[in-house]
Amino acid sequence: MHEYDAALKLLLQTSSHSILGQMTGISVETWLNPELPEVRTIRADLLGSTAGGRLVHVEFQSKNLPDMALRMAEYELRIYRSLRKFPKQIVLYAGEAKMNMPAVLRERILQNPTLSFSTR
C-alpha cells in the first residue's frame, strides 16, 4: 500500500471537502504536519509475568497527575508493542493528598466511543 500513499495523500489533501467528506462525513479545514517526533526511553516501575503468563505492570505514584490514565495507556501500548501481550495494570498511590486522578481515559470520534482506557 505504501506505493500509493503519496498519491492518496495528495488526492485527499487537495480535495478534502469533497472526497474525504463523502467517504467519512468529515470535512478537514486545515491539514497539520503528520510527523510526531519523539525520542525517549520509557521505563515502567515494575513489569512482571505470572505463572500463567499474564503480564502485570505496577506504577508507583506519589502525586496526583491529571494525565495518569494517558500515561498508563502509553505504557500499555508500549508493553504490548514490545511483548505482544496486554498487561494487567496497577497504580499504587502513596501521596499525602487524597487521590483524585481521573481513572479513565475516553475519546469520542464521530460521536462513537472509539478509545476507552481505564486504570481501574
PDB file of N, CA and C in Angstrom:
ATOM      1  N   MET A   1       0.817  -1.196   0.000  1.00  0.00           N
ATOM      2  CA  MET A   1       0.000   0.000   0.000  1.00  0.00           C
ATOM      3  C   MET A   1       0.858   1.257   0.000  1.00  0.00           C
ATOM      4  N   HIS A   2       2.102   1.157   0.547  1.00  0.00           N
ATOM      5  CA  HIS A   2       2.928   2.353   0.649  1.00  0.00           C
ATOM      6  C   HIS A   2       3.233   2.982  -0.705  1.00  0.00           C
ATOM      7  N   GLU A   3       3.159   2.211  -1.794  1.00  0.00           N
ATOM      8  CA  GLU A   3       3.425   2.792  -3.109  1.00  0.00           C
ATOM      9  C   GLU A   3       2.317   3.754  -3.544  1.00  0.00           C
ATOM     10  N   TYR A   4       1.159   3.678  -2.893  1.00  0.00           N
ATOM     11  CA  TYR A   4       0.048   4.562  -3.216  1.00  0.00           C
ATOM     12  C   TYR A   4      -0.103   5.710  -2.222  1.00  0.00           C
ATOM     13  N   ASP A   5       0.649   5.675  -1.131  1.00  0.00           N
ATOM     14  CA  ASP A   5       0.494   6.679  -0.071  1.00  0.00           C
ATOM     15  C   ASP A   5       0.587   8.107  -0.579  1.00  0.00           C
ATOM     16  N   ALA A   6       1.633   8.424  -1.321  1.00  0.00           N
ATOM     17  CA  ALA A   6       1.840   9.811  -1.770  1.00  0.00           C
ATOM     18  C   ALA A   6       0.683  10.288  -2.637  1.00  0.00           C
ATOM     19  N   ALA A   7       0.242   9.445  -3.552  1.00  0.00           N
ATOM     20  CA  ALA A   7      -0.862   9.831  -4.434  1.00  0.00           C
ATOM     21  C   ALA A   7      -2.158   9.999  -3.655  1.00  0.00           C
ATOM     22  N   LEU A   8      -2.435   9.075  -2.737  1.00  0.00           N
ATOM     23  CA  LEU A   8      -3.664   9.172  -1.944  1.00  0.00           C
ATOM     24  C   LEU A   8      -3.639  10.389  -1.025  1.00  0.00           C
ATOM     25  N   LYS A   9      -2.496  10.660  -0.419  1.00  0.00           N
ATOM     26  CA  LYS A   9      -2.379  11.833   0.451  1.00  0.00           C
ATOM     27  C   LYS A   9      -2.648  13.109  -0.337  1.00  0.00           C
ATOM     28  N   LEU A  10      -2.026  13.212  -1.506  1.00  0.00           N
ATOM     29  CA  LEU A  10      -2.218  14.397  -2.337  1.00  0.00           C
ATOM     30  C   LEU A  10      -3.676  14.532  -2.763  1.00  0.00           C
ATOM     31  N   LEU A  11      -4.276  13.439  -3.161  1.00  0.00           N
ATOM     32  CA  LEU A  11      -5.672  13.458  -3.595  1.00  0.00           C
ATOM     33  C   LEU A  11      -6.599  13.911  -2.468  1.00  0.00           C
ATOM     34  N   LEU A  12      -6.411  13.346  -1.263  1.00  0.00           N
ATOM     35  CA  LEU A  12      -7.273  13.705  -0.140  1.00  0.00           C
ATOM     36  C   LEU A  12      -7.015  15.118   0.359  1.00  0.00           C
ATOM     37  N   GLN A  13      -5.763  15.551   0.343  1.00  0.00           N
ATOM     38  CA  GLN A  13      -5.451  16.890   0.833  1.00  0.00           C
ATOM     39  C   GLN A  13      -5.969  17.978  -0.094  1.00  0.00           C
ATOM     40  N   THR A  14      -5.932  17.744  -1.379  1.00  0.00           N
ATOM     41  CA  THR A  14      -6.347  18.787  -2.316  1.00  0.00           C
ATOM     42  C   THR A  14      -7.849  18.825  -2.533  1.00  0.00           C
ATOM     43  N   SER A  15      -8.539  17.752  -2.185  1.00  0.00           N
ATOM     44  CA  SER A  15      -9.995  17.744  -2.377  1.00  0.00           C
ATOM     45  C   SER A  15     -10.703  17.241  -1.129  1.00  0.00           C
ATOM     46  N   SER A  16     -10.202  17.666   0.036  1.00  0.00           N
ATOM     47  CA  SER A  16     -10.710  17.134   1.306  1.00  0.00           C
ATOM     48  C   SER A  16     -12.198  17.387   1.520  1.00  0.00           C
ATOM     49  N   HIS A  17     -12.702  18.513   1.023  1.00  0.00           N
ATOM     50  CA  HIS A  17     -14.110  18.819   1.270  1.00  0.00           C
ATOM     51  C   HIS A  17     -15.045  17.941   0.457  1.00  0.00           C
ATOM     52  N   SER A  18     -14.532  17.368  -0.620  1.00  0.00           N
ATOM     53  CA  SER A  18     -15.433  16.540  -1.425  1.00  0.00           C
ATOM     54  C   SER A  18     -15.195  15.048  -1.201  1.00  0.00           C
ATOM     55  N   ILE A  19     -14.009  14.548  -1.486  1.00  0.00           N
ATOM     56  CA  ILE A  19     -13.763  13.102  -1.404  1.00  0.00           C
ATOM     57  C   ILE A  19     -13.789  12.597   0.034  1.00  0.00           C
ATOM     58  N   LEU A  20     -12.981  13.191   0.896  1.00  0.00           N
ATOM     59  CA  LEU A  20     -12.940  12.722   2.289  1.00  0.00           C
ATOM     60  C   LEU A  20     -14.290  12.926   2.963  1.00  0.00           C
ATOM     61  N   GLY A  21     -14.914  14.040   2.694  1.00  0.00           N
ATOM     62  CA  GLY A  21     -16.233  14.311   3.265  1.00  0.00           C
ATOM     63  C   GLY A  21     -17.263  13.283   2.822  1.00  0.00           C
ATOM     64  N   GLN A  22     -17.231  12.903   1.560  1.00  0.00           N
ATOM     65  CA  GLN A  22     -18.167  11.888   1.057  1.00  0.00           C
ATOM     66  C   GLN A  22     -17.887  10.513   1.657  1.00  0.00           C
ATOM     67  N   MET A  23     -16.600  10.211   1.845  1.00  0.00           N
ATOM     68  CA  MET A  23     -16.231   8.890   2.371  1.00  0.00           C
ATOM     69  C   MET A  23     -16.512   8.758   3.867  1.00  0.00           C
ATOM     70  N   THR A  24     -16.271   9.832   4.631  1.00  0.00           N
ATOM     71  CA  THR A  24     -16.311   9.712   6.093  1.00  0.00           C
ATOM     72  C   THR A  24     -17.292  10.647   6.777  1.00  0.00           C
ATOM     73  N   GLY A  25     -17.750  11.660   6.073  1.00  0.00           N
ATOM     74  CA  GLY A  25     -18.597  12.657   6.705  1.00  0.00           C
ATOM     75  C   GLY A  25     -17.791  13.715   7.439  1.00  0.00           C
ATOM     76  N   ILE A  26     -16.468  13.675   7.293  1.00  0.00           N
ATOM     77  CA  ILE A  26     -15.583  14.624   7.967  1.00  0.00           C
ATOM     78  C   ILE A  26     -15.027  15.596   6.945  1.00  0.00           C
ATOM     79  N   SER A  27     -15.086  16.868   7.266  1.00  0.00           N
ATOM     80  CA  SER A  27     -14.524  17.895   6.400  1.00  0.00           C
ATOM     81  C   SER A  27     -13.333  18.515   7.118  1.00  0.00           C
ATOM     82  N   VAL A  28     -12.139  18.305   6.587  1.00  0.00           N
ATOM     83  CA  VAL A  28     -10.917  18.823   7.202  1.00  0.00           C
ATOM     84  C   VAL A  28     -10.710  20.259   6.763  1.00  0.00           C
ATOM     85  N   GLU A  29     -10.567  21.154   7.724  1.00  0.00           N
ATOM     86  CA  GLU A  29     -10.350  22.572   7.436  1.00  0.00           C
ATOM     87  C   GLU A  29      -8.878  22.848   7.134  1.00  0.00           C
ATOM     88  N   THR A  30      -7.972  22.285   7.954  1.00  0.00           N
ATOM     89  CA  THR A  30      -6.537  22.515   7.807  1.00  0.00           C
ATOM     90  C   THR A  30      -5.788  21.221   8.042  1.00  0.00           C
ATOM     91  N   TRP A  31      -4.876  20.895   7.174  1.00  0.00           N
ATOM     92  CA  TRP A  31      -4.031  19.714   7.372  1.00  0.00           C
ATOM     93  C   TRP A  31      -2.827  20.110   8.208  1.00  0.00           C
ATOM     94  N   LEU A  32      -2.475  19.291   9.187  1.00  0.00           N
ATOM     95  CA  LEU A  32      -1.353  19.550  10.087  1.00  0.00           C
ATOM     96  C   LEU A  32      -0.162  18.699   9.681  1.00  0.00           C
ATOM     97  N   ASN A  33       1.001  19.050  10.197  1.00  0.00           N
ATOM     98  CA  ASN A  33       2.201  18.261   9.950  1.00  0.00           C
ATOM     99  C   ASN A  33       2.010  16.890  10.606  1.00  0.00           C
ATOM    100  N   PRO A  34       2.076  15.805   9.838  1.00  0.00           N
ATOM    101  CA  PRO A  34       1.822  14.476  10.404  1.00  0.00           C
ATOM    102  C   PRO A  34       3.004  13.867  11.144  1.00  0.00           C
ATOM    103  N   GLU A  35       4.165  14.531  11.116  1.00  0.00           N
ATOM    104  CA  GLU A  35       5.318  13.986  11.819  1.00  0.00           C
ATOM    105  C   GLU A  35       5.143  14.213  13.316  1.00  0.00           C
ATOM    106  N   LEU A  36       5.299  13.142  14.074  1.00  0.00           N
ATOM    107  CA  LEU A  36       5.161  13.213  15.526  1.00  0.00           C
ATOM    108  C   LEU A  36       6.468  12.747  16.162  1.00  0.00           C
ATOM    109  N   PRO A  37       7.520  13.545  16.052  1.00  0.00           N
ATOM    110  CA  PRO A  37       8.833  13.098  16.519  1.00  0.00           C
ATOM    111  C   PRO A  37       8.895  12.968  18.039  1.00  0.00           C
ATOM    112  N   GLU A  38       9.542  11.912  18.463  1.00  0.00           N
ATOM    113  CA  GLU A  38       9.721  11.705  19.892  1.00  0.00           C
ATOM    114  C   GLU A  38      10.824  10.679  20.101  1.00  0.00           C
ATOM    115  N   VAL A  39      11.796  11.054  20.864  1.00  0.00           N
ATOM    116  CA  VAL A  39      12.848  10.130  21.236  1.00  0.00           C
ATOM    117  C   VAL A  39      12.929  10.152  22.752  1.00  0.00           C
ATOM    118  N   ARG A  40      12.460   9.074  23.367  1.00  0.00           N
ATOM    119  CA  ARG A  40      12.556   8.991  24.817  1.00  0.00           C
ATOM    120  C   ARG A  40      12.444   7.526  25.231  1.00  0.00           C
ATOM    121  N   THR A  41      13.103   7.233  26.303  1.00  0.00           N
ATOM    122  CA  THR A  41      13.039   5.891  26.855  1.00  0.00           C
ATOM    123  C   THR A  41      12.037   5.906  27.989  1.00  0.00           C
ATOM    124  N   ILE A  42      11.092   5.004  27.933  1.00  0.00           N
ATOM    125  CA  ILE A  42      10.097   4.896  28.994  1.00  0.00           C
ATOM    126  C   ILE A  42      10.411   3.633  29.794  1.00  0.00           C
ATOM    127  N   ARG A  43      10.461   3.785  31.093  1.00  0.00           N
ATOM    128  CA  ARG A  43      10.765   2.654  31.960  1.00  0.00           C
ATOM    129  C   ARG A  43       9.629   2.494  32.963  1.00  0.00           C
ATOM    130  N   ALA A  44       8.973   1.349  32.903  1.00  0.00           N
ATOM    131  CA  ALA A  44       7.919   1.035  33.866  1.00  0.00           C
ATOM    132  C   ALA A  44       8.557   0.808  35.232  1.00  0.00           C
ATOM    133  N   ASP A  45       7.815   1.124  36.306  1.00  0.00           N
ATOM    134  CA  ASP A  45       8.360   0.888  37.643  1.00  0.00           C
ATOM    135  C   ASP A  45       8.566  -0.609  37.877  1.00  0.00           C
ATOM    136  N   LEU A  46       7.550  -1.397  37.610  1.00  0.00           N
ATOM    137  CA  LEU A  46       7.671  -2.857  37.730  1.00  0.00           C
ATOM    138  C   LEU A  46       6.888  -3.515  36.604  1.00  0.00           C
ATOM    139  N   LEU A  47       7.453  -4.548  36.015  1.00  0.00           N
ATOM    140  CA  LEU A  47       6.763  -5.333  34.994  1.00  0.00           C
ATOM    141  C   LEU A  47       7.106  -6.787  35.250  1.00  0.00           C
ATOM    142  N   GLY A  48       6.072  -7.588  35.508  1.00  0.00           N
ATOM    143  CA  GLY A  48       6.300  -8.998  35.817  1.00  0.00           C
ATOM    144  C   GLY A  48       5.388  -9.898  35.017  1.00  0.00           C
ATOM    145  N   SER A  49       5.632 -11.186  35.156  1.00  0.00           N
ATOM    146  CA  SER A  49       4.833 -12.202  34.479  1.00  0.00           C
ATOM    147  C   SER A  49       4.361 -13.203  35.518  1.00  0.00           C
ATOM    148  N   THR A  50       3.083 -13.555  35.467  1.00  0.00           N
ATOM    149  CA  THR A  50       2.535 -14.525  36.413  1.00  0.00           C
ATOM    150  C   THR A  50       2.871 -15.941  35.959  1.00  0.00           C
ATOM    151  N   ALA A  51       2.590 -16.923  36.812  1.00  0.00           N
ATOM    152  CA  ALA A  51       2.826 -18.326  36.451  1.00  0.00           C
ATOM    153  C   ALA A  51       2.033 -18.710  35.206  1.00  0.00           C
ATOM    154  N   GLY A  52       0.885 -18.062  35.013  1.00  0.00           N
ATOM    155  CA  GLY A  52       0.057 -18.336  33.843  1.00  0.00           C
ATOM    156  C   GLY A  52       0.467 -17.546  32.611  1.00  0.00           C
ATOM    157  N   GLY A  53       1.501 -16.723  32.726  1.00  0.00           N
ATOM    158  CA  GLY A  53       1.989 -15.962  31.579  1.00  0.00           C
ATOM    159  C   GLY A  53       1.374 -14.589  31.419  1.00  0.00           C
ATOM    160  N   ARG A  54       0.529 -14.185  32.366  1.00  0.00           N
ATOM    161  CA  ARG A  54      -0.081 -12.852  32.287  1.00  0.00           C
ATOM    162  C   ARG A  54       0.921 -11.801  32.740  1.00  0.00           C
ATOM    163  N   LEU A  55       0.967 -10.691  32.038  1.00  0.00           N
ATOM    164  CA  LEU A  55       1.856  -9.597  32.419  1.00  0.00           C
ATOM    165  C   LEU A  55       1.181  -8.714  33.460  1.00  0.00           C
ATOM    166  N   VAL A  56       1.975  -8.226  34.397  1.00  0.00           N
ATOM    167  CA  VAL A  56       1.496  -7.314  35.430  1.00  0.00           C
ATOM    168  C   VAL A  56       2.427  -6.106  35.453  1.00  0.00           C
ATOM    169  N   HIS A  57       1.830  -4.933  35.287  1.00  0.00           N
ATOM    170  CA  HIS A  57       2.572  -3.678  35.283  1.00  0.00           C
ATOM    171  C   HIS A  57       2.154  -2.875  36.499  1.00  0.00           C
ATOM    172  N   VAL A  58       3.115  -2.469  37.322  1.00  0.00           N
ATOM    173  CA  VAL A  58       2.843  -1.684  38.522  1.00  0.00           C
ATOM    174  C   VAL A  58       3.577  -0.350  38.418  1.00  0.00           C
ATOM    175  N   GLU A  59       2.842   0.724  38.646  1.00  0.00           N
ATOM    176  CA  GLU A  59       3.436   2.062  38.705  1.00  0.00           C
ATOM    177  C   GLU A  59       3.210   2.631  40.095  1.00  0.00           C
ATOM    178  N   PHE A  60       4.248   3.252  40.660  1.00  0.00           N
ATOM    179  CA  PHE A  60       4.151   3.924  41.950  1.00  0.00           C
ATOM    180  C   PHE A  60       3.940   5.410  41.689  1.00  0.00           C
ATOM    181  N   GLN A  61       3.018   6.006  42.414  1.00  0.00           N
ATOM    182  CA  GLN A  61       2.713   7.406  42.202  1.00  0.00           C
ATOM    183  C   GLN A  61       2.553   8.096  43.543  1.00  0.00           C
ATOM    184  N   SER A  62       3.200   9.260  43.709  1.00  0.00           N
ATOM    185  CA  SER A  62       3.111   9.988  44.970  1.00  0.00           C
ATOM    186  C   SER A  62       2.406  11.336  44.815  1.00  0.00           C
ATOM    187  N   LYS A  63       2.055  11.703  43.587  1.00  0.00           N
ATOM    188  CA  LYS A  63       1.347  12.955  43.342  1.00  0.00           C
ATOM    189  C   LYS A  63       0.178  12.680  42.412  1.00  0.00           C
ATOM    190  N   ASN A  64      -0.852  13.499  42.530  1.00  0.00           N
ATOM    191  CA  ASN A  64      -1.993  13.399  41.633  1.00  0.00           C
ATOM    192  C   ASN A  64      -1.615  14.010  40.286  1.00  0.00           C
ATOM    193  N   LEU A  65      -1.620  13.200  39.266  1.00  0.00           N
ATOM    194  CA  LEU A  65      -1.335  13.675  37.914  1.00  0.00           C
ATOM    195  C   LEU A  65      -2.608  13.608  37.082  1.00  0.00           C
ATOM    196  N   PRO A  66      -3.037  14.721  36.515  1.00  0.00           N
ATOM    197  CA  PRO A  66      -4.275  14.703  35.728  1.00  0.00           C
ATOM    198  C   PRO A  66      -4.186  13.803  34.497  1.00  0.00           C
ATOM    199  N   ASP A  67      -2.971  13.557  33.983  1.00  0.00           N
ATOM    200  CA  ASP A  67      -2.800  12.727  32.797  1.00  0.00           C
ATOM    201  C   ASP A  67      -2.332  11.308  33.117  1.00  0.00           C
ATOM    202  N   MET A  68      -2.569  10.831  34.332  1.00  0.00           N
ATOM    203  CA  MET A  68      -2.082   9.498  34.703  1.00  0.00           C
ATOM    204  C   MET A  68      -2.712   8.401  33.841  1.00  0.00           C
ATOM    205  N   ALA A  69      -3.991   8.500  33.526  1.00  0.00           N
ATOM    206  CA  ALA A  69      -4.625   7.482  32.691  1.00  0.00           C
ATOM    207  C   ALA A  69      -3.984   7.466  31.303  1.00  0.00           C
ATOM    208  N   LEU A  70      -3.654   8.640  30.764  1.00  0.00           N
ATOM    209  CA  LEU A  70      -2.970   8.717  29.476  1.00  0.00           C
ATOM    210  C   LEU A  70      -1.588   8.083  29.574  1.00  0.00           C
ATOM    211  N   ARG A  71      -0.890   8.379  30.638  1.00  0.00           N
ATOM    212  CA  ARG A  71       0.440   7.799  30.850  1.00  0.00           C
ATOM    213  C   ARG A  71       0.366   6.272  30.925  1.00  0.00           C
ATOM    214  N   MET A  72      -0.647   5.748  31.625  1.00  0.00           N
ATOM    215  CA  MET A  72      -0.798   4.296  31.726  1.00  0.00           C
ATOM    216  C   MET A  72      -1.155   3.686  30.371  1.00  0.00           C
ATOM    217  N   ALA A  73      -1.946   4.405  29.588  1.00  0.00           N
ATOM    218  CA  ALA A  73      -2.280   3.924  28.242  1.00  0.00           C
ATOM    219  C   ALA A  73      -1.020   3.844  27.385  1.00  0.00           C
ATOM    220  N   GLU A  74      -0.148   4.850  27.511  1.00  0.00           N
ATOM    221  CA  GLU A  74       1.117   4.829  26.765  1.00  0.00           C
ATOM    222  C   GLU A  74       1.973   3.641  27.183  1.00  0.00           C
ATOM    223  N   TYR A  75       2.065   3.397  28.487  1.00  0.00           N
ATOM    224  CA  TYR A  75       2.800   2.223  28.963  1.00  0.00           C
ATOM    225  C   TYR A  75       2.203   0.941  28.386  1.00  0.00           C
ATOM    226  N   GLU A  76       0.873   0.839  28.451  1.00  0.00           N
ATOM    227  CA  GLU A  76       0.215  -0.381  27.991  1.00  0.00           C
ATOM    228  C   GLU A  76       0.508  -0.650  26.519  1.00  0.00           C
ATOM    229  N   LEU A  77       0.419   0.375  25.687  1.00  0.00           N
ATOM    230  CA  LEU A  77       0.667   0.185  24.267  1.00  0.00           C
ATOM    231  C   LEU A  77       2.130  -0.134  23.974  1.00  0.00           C
ATOM    232  N   ARG A  78       3.036   0.482  24.709  1.00  0.00           N
ATOM    233  CA  ARG A  78       4.462   0.168  24.515  1.00  0.00           C
ATOM    234  C   ARG A  78       4.791  -1.248  24.981  1.00  0.00           C
ATOM    235  N   ILE A  79       4.182  -1.667  26.078  1.00  0.00           N
ATOM    236  CA  ILE A  79       4.384  -3.043  26.541  1.00  0.00           C
ATOM    237  C   ILE A  79       3.821  -4.015  25.517  1.00  0.00           C
ATOM    238  N   TYR A  80       2.631  -3.715  25.016  1.00  0.00           N
ATOM    239  CA  TYR A  80       2.036  -4.585  24.004  1.00  0.00           C
ATOM    240  C   TYR A  80       2.908  -4.642  22.748  1.00  0.00           C
ATOM    241  N   ARG A  81       3.393  -3.486  22.313  1.00  0.00           N
ATOM    242  CA  ARG A  81       4.230  -3.443  21.112  1.00  0.00           C
ATOM    243  C   ARG A  81       5.491  -4.292  21.301  1.00  0.00           C
ATOM    244  N   SER A  82       6.052  -4.256  22.494  1.00  0.00           N
ATOM    245  CA  SER A  82       7.286  -4.988  22.768  1.00  0.00           C
ATOM    246  C   SER A  82       7.062  -6.479  23.002  1.00  0.00           C
ATOM    247  N   LEU A  83       6.024  -6.835  23.772  1.00  0.00           N
ATOM    248  CA  LEU A  83       5.832  -8.223  24.198  1.00  0.00           C
ATOM    249  C   LEU A  83       4.606  -8.905  23.604  1.00  0.00           C
ATOM    250  N   ARG A  84       3.794  -8.142  22.854  1.00  0.00           N
ATOM    251  CA  ARG A  84       2.580  -8.660  22.213  1.00  0.00           C
ATOM    252  C   ARG A  84       1.579  -9.251  23.202  1.00  0.00           C
ATOM    253  N   LYS A  85       1.563  -8.667  24.394  1.00  0.00           N
ATOM    254  CA  LYS A  85       0.570  -9.022  25.416  1.00  0.00           C
ATOM    255  C   LYS A  85       0.165  -7.740  26.116  1.00  0.00           C
ATOM    256  N   PHE A  86      -1.138  -7.638  26.437  1.00  0.00           N
ATOM    257  CA  PHE A  86      -1.603  -6.509  27.235  1.00  0.00           C
ATOM    258  C   PHE A  86      -1.423  -6.850  28.708  1.00  0.00           C
ATOM    259  N   PRO A  87      -0.855  -5.935  29.492  1.00  0.00           N
ATOM    260  CA  PRO A  87      -0.661  -6.209  30.909  1.00  0.00           C
ATOM    261  C   PRO A  87      -1.871  -5.839  31.756  1.00  0.00           C
ATOM    262  N   LYS A  88      -1.982  -6.475  32.892  1.00  0.00           N
ATOM    263  CA  LYS A  88      -2.872  -6.002  33.959  1.00  0.00           C
ATOM    264  C   LYS A  88      -2.106  -4.852  34.586  1.00  0.00           C
ATOM    265  N   GLN A  89      -2.751  -3.695  34.732  1.00  0.00           N
ATOM    266  CA  GLN A  89      -2.048  -2.531  35.239  1.00  0.00           C
ATOM    267  C   GLN A  89      -2.562  -2.105  36.604  1.00  0.00           C
ATOM    268  N   ILE A  90      -1.612  -1.706  37.448  1.00  0.00           N
ATOM    269  CA  ILE A  90      -1.928  -1.280  38.810  1.00  0.00           C
ATOM    270  C   ILE A  90      -1.146   0.001  39.097  1.00  0.00           C
ATOM    271  N   VAL A  91      -1.844   1.011  39.604  1.00  0.00           N
ATOM    272  CA  VAL A  91      -1.180   2.219  40.080  1.00  0.00           C
ATOM    273  C   VAL A  91      -1.277   2.187  41.599  1.00  0.00           C
ATOM    274  N   LEU A  92      -0.143   2.188  42.269  1.00  0.00           N
ATOM    275  CA  LEU A  92      -0.110   2.249  43.730  1.00  0.00           C
ATOM    276  C   LEU A  92       0.183   3.687  44.129  1.00  0.00           C
ATOM    277  N   TYR A  93      -0.821   4.317  44.715  1.00  0.00           N
ATOM    278  CA  TYR A  93      -0.708   5.716  45.089  1.00  0.00           C
ATOM    279  C   TYR A  93      -0.314   5.823  46.558  1.00  0.00           C
ATOM    280  N   ALA A  94       0.754   6.581  46.835  1.00  0.00           N
ATOM    281  CA  ALA A  94       1.239   6.738  48.205  1.00  0.00           C
ATOM    282  C   ALA A  94       1.448   8.215  48.534  1.00  0.00           C
ATOM    283  N   GLY A  95       0.633   9.084  47.967  1.00  0.00           N
ATOM    284  CA  GLY A  95       0.781  10.507  48.201  1.00  0.00           C
ATOM    285  C   GLY A  95       0.100  10.957  49.474  1.00  0.00           C
ATOM    286  N   GLU A  96       0.463  12.146  49.933  1.00  0.00           N
ATOM    287  CA  GLU A  96      -0.154  12.707  51.133  1.00  0.00           C
ATOM    288  C   GLU A  96      -1.572  13.190  50.868  1.00  0.00           C
ATOM    289  N   ALA A  97      -1.775  13.809  49.708  1.00  0.00           N
ATOM    290  CA  ALA A  97      -3.106  14.307  49.356  1.00  0.00           C
ATOM    291  C   ALA A  97      -4.005  13.140  48.964  1.00  0.00           C
ATOM    292  N   LYS A  98      -5.310  13.335  49.141  1.00  0.00           N
ATOM    293  CA  LYS A  98      -6.267  12.319  48.722  1.00  0.00           C
ATOM    294  C   LYS A  98      -6.129  12.091  47.217  1.00  0.00           C
ATOM    295  N   MET A  99      -6.140  10.844  46.787  1.00  0.00           N
ATOM    296  CA  MET A  99      -6.015  10.551  45.365  1.00  0.00           C
ATOM    297  C   MET A  99      -7.246  11.067  44.627  1.00  0.00           C
ATOM    298  N   ASN A 100      -7.009  11.864  43.597  1.00  0.00           N
ATOM    299  CA  ASN A 100      -8.124  12.382  42.811  1.00  0.00           C
ATOM    300  C   ASN A 100      -7.825  12.383  41.313  1.00  0.00           C
ATOM    301  N   MET A 101      -6.929  11.495  40.894  1.00  0.00           N
ATOM    302  CA  MET A 101      -6.599  11.403  39.472  1.00  0.00           C
ATOM    303  C   MET A 101      -7.737  10.729  38.724  1.00  0.00           C
ATOM    304  N   PRO A 102      -8.050  11.221  37.514  1.00  0.00           N
ATOM    305  CA  PRO A 102      -9.046  10.518  36.704  1.00  0.00           C
ATOM    306  C   PRO A 102      -8.562   9.089  36.434  1.00  0.00           C
ATOM    307  N   ALA A 103      -9.438   8.130  36.599  1.00  0.00           N
ATOM    308  CA  ALA A 103      -9.069   6.727  36.421  1.00  0.00           C
ATOM    309  C   ALA A 103      -9.384   6.210  35.027  1.00  0.00           C
ATOM    310  N   VAL A 104     -10.048   7.013  34.218  1.00  0.00           N
ATOM    311  CA  VAL A 104     -10.488   6.546  32.907  1.00  0.00           C
ATOM    312  C   VAL A 104     -10.106   7.568  31.846  1.00  0.00           C
ATOM    313  N   LEU A 105      -9.680   7.074  30.707  1.00  0.00           N
ATOM    314  CA  LEU A 105      -9.356   7.904  29.554  1.00  0.00           C
ATOM    315  C   LEU A 105     -10.325   7.519  28.447  1.00  0.00           C
ATOM    316  N   ARG A 106     -11.066   8.490  27.945  1.00  0.00           N
ATOM    317  CA  ARG A 106     -12.029   8.212  26.869  1.00  0.00           C
ATOM    318  C   ARG A 106     -11.924   9.298  25.807  1.00  0.00           C
ATOM    319  N   GLU A 107     -12.121   8.881  24.584  1.00  0.00           N
ATOM    320  CA  GLU A 107     -12.131   9.823  23.463  1.00  0.00           C
ATOM    321  C   GLU A 107     -13.293   9.480  22.557  1.00  0.00           C
ATOM    322  N   ARG A 108     -13.956  10.500  22.056  1.00  0.00           N
ATOM    323  CA  ARG A 108     -15.067  10.281  21.122  1.00  0.00           C
ATOM    324  C   ARG A 108     -14.666  10.818  19.752  1.00  0.00           C
ATOM    325  N   ILE A 109     -14.816   9.991  18.745  1.00  0.00           N
ATOM    326  CA  ILE A 109     -14.566  10.383  17.373  1.00  0.00           C
ATOM    327  C   ILE A 109     -15.816  10.030  16.581  1.00  0.00           C
ATOM    328  N   LEU A 110     -16.314  10.961  15.815  1.00  0.00           N
ATOM    329  CA  LEU A 110     -17.549  10.764  15.046  1.00  0.00           C
ATOM    330  C   LEU A 110     -18.709  10.360  15.945  1.00  0.00           C
ATOM    331  N   GLN A 111     -18.737  10.886  17.155  1.00  0.00           N
ATOM    332  CA  GLN A 111     -19.802  10.634  18.121  1.00  0.00           C
ATOM    333  C   GLN A 111     -19.896   9.176  18.568  1.00  0.00           C
ATOM    334  N   ASN A 112     -18.883   8.375  18.293  1.00  0.00           N
ATOM    335  CA  ASN A 112     -18.858   6.978  18.741  1.00  0.00           C
ATOM    336  C   ASN A 112     -17.655   6.785  19.653  1.00  0.00           C
ATOM    337  N   PRO A 113     -17.823   6.093  20.782  1.00  0.00           N
ATOM    338  CA  PRO A 113     -16.655   5.837  21.618  1.00  0.00           C
ATOM    339  C   PRO A 113     -15.695   4.901  20.880  1.00  0.00           C
ATOM    340  N   THR A 114     -14.473   5.380  20.630  1.00  0.00           N
ATOM    341  CA  THR A 114     -13.530   4.556  19.893  1.00  0.00           C
ATOM    342  C   THR A 114     -12.327   4.154  20.723  1.00  0.00           C
ATOM    343  N   LEU A 115     -12.084   4.870  21.792  1.00  0.00           N
ATOM    344  CA  LEU A 115     -10.973   4.537  22.673  1.00  0.00           C
ATOM    345  C   LEU A 115     -11.465   4.645  24.088  1.00  0.00           C
ATOM    346  N   SER A 116     -11.300   3.610  24.830  1.00  0.00           N
ATOM    347  CA  SER A 116     -11.651   3.644  26.241  1.00  0.00           C
ATOM    348  C   SER A 116     -10.551   2.940  26.997  1.00  0.00           C
ATOM    349  N   PHE A 117      -9.953   3.633  27.921  1.00  0.00           N
ATOM    350  CA  PHE A 117      -8.862   3.075  28.708  1.00  0.00           C
ATOM    351  C   PHE A 117      -9.128   3.386  30.161  1.00  0.00           C
ATOM    352  N   SER A 118      -9.048   2.392  30.990  1.00  0.00           N
ATOM    353  CA  SER A 118      -9.319   2.593  32.408  1.00  0.00           C
ATOM    354  C   SER A 118      -8.155   2.077  33.233  1.00  0.00           C
ATOM    355  N   THR A 119      -7.767   2.821  34.273  1.00  0.00           N
ATOM    356  CA  THR A 119      -6.726   2.376  35.170  1.00  0.00           C
ATOM    357  C   THR A 119      -7.298   1.595  36.345  1.00  0.00           C
ATOM    358  N   ARG A 120      -8.609   1.402  36.371  1.00  0.00           N
ATOM    359  CA  ARG A 120      -9.214   0.636  37.465  1.00  0.00           C
ATOM    360  C   ARG A 120      -9.585  -0.738  37.016  1.00  0.00           C
TER     361      ARG A 120
END
